Amino acid sequence: MMKISEVMQTDVARVDPHTSLREAARLMRG
């Protein structure tokens, strides 16, 4: 989970801060 969070924050955050929140919620929900 730590690795995924780091990768998402770096990859998604770079693309768009809003997308990171949307993707994070989607992954968290499953």
PDB file of N, CA and C in Angstrom:
ATOM      1  N   MET A   1       0.855  -1.206   0.000  1.00  0.00           N
ATOM      2  CA  MET A   1       0.000   0.000   0.000  1.00  0.00           C
ATOM      3  C   MET A   1       0.892   1.257   0.000  1.00  0.00           C
ATOM      4  N   MET A   2       1.960   1.193   0.742  1.00  0.00           N
ATOM      5  CA  MET A   2       2.858   2.361   0.795  1.00  0.00           C
ATOM      6  C   MET A   2       3.423   2.654  -0.592  1.00  0.00           C
ATOM      7  N   LYS A   3       3.854   1.608  -1.270  1.00  0.00           N
ATOM      8  CA  LYS A   3       4.432   1.812  -2.616  1.00  0.00           C
ATOM      9  C   LYS A   3       3.375   2.393  -3.561  1.00  0.00           C
ATOM     10  N   ILE A   4       2.191   1.830  -3.541  1.00  0.00           N
ATOM     11  CA  ILE A   4       1.123   2.321  -4.430  1.00  0.00           C
ATOM     12  C   ILE A   4       0.835   3.802  -4.132  1.00  0.00           C
ATOM     13  N   SER A   5       0.772   4.132  -2.855  1.00  0.00           N
ATOM     14  CA  SER A   5       0.470   5.521  -2.472  1.00  0.00           C
ATOM     15  C   SER A   5       1.566   6.451  -3.010  1.00  0.00           C
ATOM     16  N   GLU A   6       2.792   6.033  -2.845  1.00  0.00           N
ATOM     17  CA  GLU A   6       3.902   6.882  -3.319  1.00  0.00           C
ATOM     18  C   GLU A   6       3.857   7.039  -4.840  1.00  0.00           C
ATOM     19  N   VAL A   7       3.651   5.939  -5.516  1.00  0.00           N
ATOM     20  CA  VAL A   7       3.604   5.997  -6.988  1.00  0.00           C
ATOM     21  C   VAL A   7       2.432   6.856  -7.447  1.00  0.00           C
ATOM     22  N   MET A   8       1.283   6.636  -6.853  1.00  0.00           N
ATOM     23  CA  MET A   8       0.093   7.420  -7.254  1.00  0.00           C
ATOM     24  C   MET A   8       0.327   8.902  -6.987  1.00  0.00           C
ATOM     25  N   GLN A   9       0.834   9.219  -5.812  1.00  0.00           N
ATOM     26  CA  GLN A   9       1.052  10.637  -5.470  1.00  0.00           C
ATOM     27  C   GLN A   9       2.035  11.282  -6.440  1.00  0.00           C
ATOM     28  N   THR A  10       3.036  10.511  -6.835  1.00  0.00           N
ATOM     29  CA  THR A  10       4.047  11.075  -7.748  1.00  0.00           C
ATOM     30  C   THR A  10       3.518  11.105  -9.183  1.00  0.00           C
ATOM     31  N   ASP A  11       2.950  10.001  -9.623  1.00  0.00           N
ATOM     32  CA  ASP A  11       2.451   9.929 -11.010  1.00  0.00           C
ATOM     33  C   ASP A  11       1.183  10.767 -11.194  1.00  0.00           C
ATOM     34  N   VAL A  12       0.219  10.544 -10.337  1.00  0.00           N
ATOM     35  CA  VAL A  12      -1.055  11.276 -10.449  1.00  0.00           C
ATOM     36  C   VAL A  12      -0.874  12.748 -10.095  1.00  0.00           C
ATOM     37  N   ALA A  13      -0.212  12.996  -9.002  1.00  0.00           N
ATOM     38  CA  ALA A  13      -0.019  14.390  -8.563  1.00  0.00           C
ATOM     39  C   ALA A  13       0.614  15.199  -9.698  1.00  0.00           C
ATOM     40  N   ARG A  14       1.516  14.579 -10.398  1.00  0.00           N
ATOM     41  CA  ARG A  14       2.196  15.299 -11.496  1.00  0.00           C
ATOM     42  C   ARG A  14       1.186  15.595 -12.613  1.00  0.00           C
ATOM     43  N   VAL A  15       0.320  14.660 -12.883  1.00  0.00           N
ATOM     44  CA  VAL A  15      -0.667  14.862 -13.958  1.00  0.00           C
ATOM     45  C   VAL A  15      -1.720  15.879 -13.521  1.00  0.00           C
ATOM     46  N   ASP A  16      -2.341  15.619 -12.388  1.00  0.00           N
ATOM     47  CA  ASP A  16      -3.387  16.538 -11.890  1.00  0.00           C
ATOM     48  C   ASP A  16      -3.735  16.213 -10.444  1.00  0.00           C
ATOM     49  N   PRO A  17      -3.822  17.209  -9.604  1.00  0.00           N
ATOM     50  CA  PRO A  17      -4.142  16.998  -8.187  1.00  0.00           C
ATOM     51  C   PRO A  17      -5.566  16.478  -8.010  1.00  0.00           C
ATOM     52  N   HIS A  18      -6.467  16.889  -8.885  1.00  0.00           N
ATOM     53  CA  HIS A  18      -7.863  16.442  -8.765  1.00  0.00           C
ATOM     54  C   HIS A  18      -7.985  14.971  -9.136  1.00  0.00           C
ATOM     55  N   THR A  19      -7.246  14.576 -10.136  1.00  0.00           N
ATOM     56  CA  THR A  19      -7.308  13.180 -10.587  1.00  0.00           C
ATOM     57  C   THR A  19      -6.817  12.249  -9.477  1.00  0.00           C
ATOM     58  N   SER A  20      -5.801  12.696  -8.763  1.00  0.00           N
ATOM     59  CA  SER A  20      -5.234  11.849  -7.693  1.00  0.00           C
ATOM     60  C   SER A  20      -6.332  11.539  -6.669  1.00  0.00           C
ATOM     61  N   LEU A  21      -7.100  12.527  -6.302  1.00  0.00           N
ATOM     62  CA  LEU A  21      -8.165  12.309  -5.299  1.00  0.00           C
ATOM     63  C   LEU A  21      -9.211  11.361  -5.871  1.00  0.00           C
ATOM     64  N   ARG A  22      -9.539  11.532  -7.115  1.00  0.00           N
ATOM     65  CA  ARG A  22     -10.582  10.682  -7.746  1.00  0.00           C
ATOM     66  C   ARG A  22     -10.067   9.239  -7.829  1.00  0.00           C
ATOM     67  N   GLU A  23      -8.858   9.061  -8.292  1.00  0.00           N
ATOM     68  CA  GLU A  23      -8.306   7.696  -8.429  1.00  0.00           C
ATOM     69  C   GLU A  23      -8.150   7.065  -7.048  1.00  0.00           C
ATOM     70  N   ALA A  24      -7.678   7.833  -6.100  1.00  0.00           N
ATOM     71  CA  ALA A  24      -7.469   7.305  -4.734  1.00  0.00           C
ATOM     72  C   ALA A  24      -8.800   6.803  -4.178  1.00  0.00           C
ATOM     73  N   ALA A  25      -9.843   7.583  -4.336  1.00  0.00           N
ATOM     74  CA  ALA A  25     -11.166   7.176  -3.814  1.00  0.00           C
ATOM     75  C   ALA A  25     -11.629   5.916  -4.549  1.00  0.00           C
ATOM     76  N   ARG A  26     -11.350   5.836  -5.824  1.00  0.00           N
ATOM     77  CA  ARG A  26     -11.796   4.669  -6.619  1.00  0.00           C
ATOM     78  C   ARG A  26     -11.057   3.416  -6.118  1.00  0.00           C
ATOM     79  N   LEU A  27      -9.759   3.539  -5.934  1.00  0.00           N
ATOM     80  CA  LEU A  27      -8.976   2.370  -5.473  1.00  0.00           C
ATOM     81  C   LEU A  27      -9.405   1.994  -4.053  1.00  0.00           C
ATOM     82  N   MET A  28      -9.615   2.999  -3.237  1.00  0.00           N
ATOM     83  CA  MET A  28     -10.014   2.720  -1.832  1.00  0.00           C
ATOM     84  C   MET A  28     -11.358   1.986  -1.822  1.00  0.00           C
ATOM     85  N   ARG A  29     -12.285   2.417  -2.656  1.00  0.00           N
ATOM     86  CA  ARG A  29     -13.617   1.766  -2.705  1.00  0.00           C
ATOM     87  C   ARG A  29     -13.466   0.353  -3.284  1.00  0.00           C
ATOM     88  N   GLY A  30     -12.521   0.218  -4.192  1.00  0.00           N
ATOM     89  CA  GLY A  30     -12.323  -1.130  -4.753  1.00  0.00           C
ATOM     90  C   GLY A  30     -12.931  -1.179  -6.116  1.00  0.00           C
TER      91      GLY A  30
END
